Amino acid sequence: PTVETDRIETYSRAGGRAPIVFVHALFVNATQWDDQVHVSAEYTTTAYDLRGHGRTGGSDRSACDVE
């Protein structure tokens, strides 16, 4: 499952009810949260790969900033 924004395809995983979003650290990807994503049917859990990590591609932008 992917979501496309600004021509960047981002990989994510989801399941459950009340929302919890897991964001990974540098040098890893959404699989860092595999054990937590499936802990309870009480929550809708989402773990996604940041740009250029795991199954989410990079972009033609060389740098990112707030603007």
C-alpha atoms as a PDB file:
ATOM      1  CA  PRO A   1       0.000   0.000   0.000  1.00  0.00           C
ATOM      2  CA  THR A   2       1.335   3.395  -0.971  1.00  0.00           C
ATOM      3  CA  VAL A   3       0.290   7.046  -0.897  1.00  0.00           C
ATOM      4  CA  GLU A   4       1.503   9.506  -3.532  1.00  0.00           C
ATOM      5  CA  THR A   5       2.205  13.145  -2.683  1.00  0.00           C
ATOM      6  CA  ASP A   6       4.121  15.592  -4.865  1.00  0.00           C
ATOM      7  CA  ARG A   7       5.101  12.715  -7.186  1.00  0.00           C
ATOM      8  CA  ILE A   8       6.703  10.795  -4.288  1.00  0.00           C
ATOM      9  CA  GLU A   9       5.265   7.362  -3.558  1.00  0.00           C
ATOM     10  CA  THR A  10       5.351   6.569   0.181  1.00  0.00           C
ATOM     11  CA  TYR A  11       4.955   3.022   1.495  1.00  0.00           C
ATOM     12  CA  SER A  12       2.789   2.532   4.622  1.00  0.00           C
ATOM     13  CA  ARG A  13       1.054  -0.201   6.627  1.00  0.00           C
ATOM     14  CA  ALA A  14      -2.151   0.155   8.679  1.00  0.00           C
ATOM     15  CA  GLY A  15      -4.649  -1.847  10.760  1.00  0.00           C
ATOM     16  CA  GLY A  16      -6.908  -1.625  13.899  1.00  0.00           C
ATOM     17  CA  ARG A  17      -9.057   1.291  15.345  1.00  0.00           C
ATOM     18  CA  ALA A  18      -7.909   4.369  17.388  1.00  0.00           C
ATOM     19  CA  PRO A  19      -4.953   5.910  15.487  1.00  0.00           C
ATOM     20  CA  ILE A  20      -1.280   5.526  16.397  1.00  0.00           C
ATOM     21  CA  VAL A  21       1.409   6.506  13.859  1.00  0.00           C
ATOM     22  CA  PHE A  22       4.912   5.044  14.128  1.00  0.00           C
ATOM     23  CA  VAL A  23       7.759   7.013  12.505  1.00  0.00           C
ATOM     24  CA  HIS A  24      11.113   5.287  12.232  1.00  0.00           C
ATOM     25  CA  ALA A  25      14.571   6.663  13.025  1.00  0.00           C
ATOM     26  CA  LEU A  26      17.453   7.369  10.652  1.00  0.00           C
ATOM     27  CA  PHE A  27      19.011   4.368   8.848  1.00  0.00           C
ATOM     28  CA  VAL A  28      15.982   2.065   9.420  1.00  0.00           C
ATOM     29  CA  ASN A  29      12.453   1.778   7.976  1.00  0.00           C
ATOM     30  CA  ALA A  30       8.865   0.910   8.943  1.00  0.00           C
ATOM     31  CA  THR A  31       9.854  -2.683   9.775  1.00  0.00           C
ATOM     32  CA  GLN A  32      11.344  -1.235  12.986  1.00  0.00           C
ATOM     33  CA  TRP A  33       7.739  -1.221  14.270  1.00  0.00           C
ATOM     34  CA  ASP A  34       6.640  -4.725  13.138  1.00  0.00           C
ATOM     35  CA  ASP A  35       5.992  -5.974  16.685  1.00  0.00           C
ATOM     36  CA  GLN A  36       4.099  -2.832  17.722  1.00  0.00           C
ATOM     37  CA  VAL A  37       1.900  -2.511  14.601  1.00  0.00           C
ATOM     38  CA  HIS A  38      -0.026  -5.668  15.469  1.00  0.00           C
ATOM     39  CA  VAL A  39      -0.211  -5.367  19.285  1.00  0.00           C
ATOM     40  CA  SER A  40      -3.903  -4.626  19.697  1.00  0.00           C
ATOM     41  CA  ALA A  41      -7.186  -4.548  17.801  1.00  0.00           C
ATOM     42  CA  GLU A  42      -8.067  -1.441  19.848  1.00  0.00           C
ATOM     43  CA  TYR A  43      -5.879   0.832  17.704  1.00  0.00           C
ATOM     44  CA  THR A  44      -5.398   1.709  14.045  1.00  0.00           C
ATOM     45  CA  THR A  45      -1.644   1.535  13.731  1.00  0.00           C
ATOM     46  CA  THR A  46       0.310   2.977  10.823  1.00  0.00           C
ATOM     47  CA  ALA A  47       4.033   2.636  10.203  1.00  0.00           C
ATOM     48  CA  TYR A  48       5.434   4.273   7.099  1.00  0.00           C
ATOM     49  CA  ASP A  49       8.807   4.616   5.369  1.00  0.00           C
ATOM     50  CA  LEU A  50      10.235   8.125   5.233  1.00  0.00           C
ATOM     51  CA  ARG A  51      11.451   9.437   1.864  1.00  0.00           C
ATOM     52  CA  GLY A  52      14.402   7.418   0.601  1.00  0.00           C
ATOM     53  CA  HIS A  53      13.995   4.625   3.197  1.00  0.00           C
ATOM     54  CA  GLY A  54      12.619   1.081   2.917  1.00  0.00           C
ATOM     55  CA  ARG A  55       9.986   0.829   0.172  1.00  0.00           C
ATOM     56  CA  THR A  56       9.537   4.615  -0.242  1.00  0.00           C
ATOM     57  CA  GLY A  57      11.508   6.097  -3.084  1.00  0.00           C
ATOM     58  CA  GLY A  58      13.619   9.196  -3.026  1.00  0.00           C
ATOM     59  CA  SER A  59      12.866  12.330  -4.990  1.00  0.00           C
ATOM     60  CA  ASP A  60      14.640  14.579  -7.430  1.00  0.00           C
ATOM     61  CA  ARG A  61      14.998  17.211  -4.679  1.00  0.00           C
ATOM     62  CA  SER A  62      18.520  17.338  -3.297  1.00  0.00           C
ATOM     63  CA  ALA A  63      17.496  18.969  -0.006  1.00  0.00           C
ATOM     64  CA  CYS A  64      14.430  19.437   2.171  1.00  0.00           C
ATOM     65  CA  ASP A  65      13.533  22.439   4.255  1.00  0.00           C
ATOM     66  CA  VAL A  66      10.474  23.958   5.887  1.00  0.00           C
ATOM     67  CA  GLU A  67       9.653  26.104   2.850  1.00  0.00           C
END
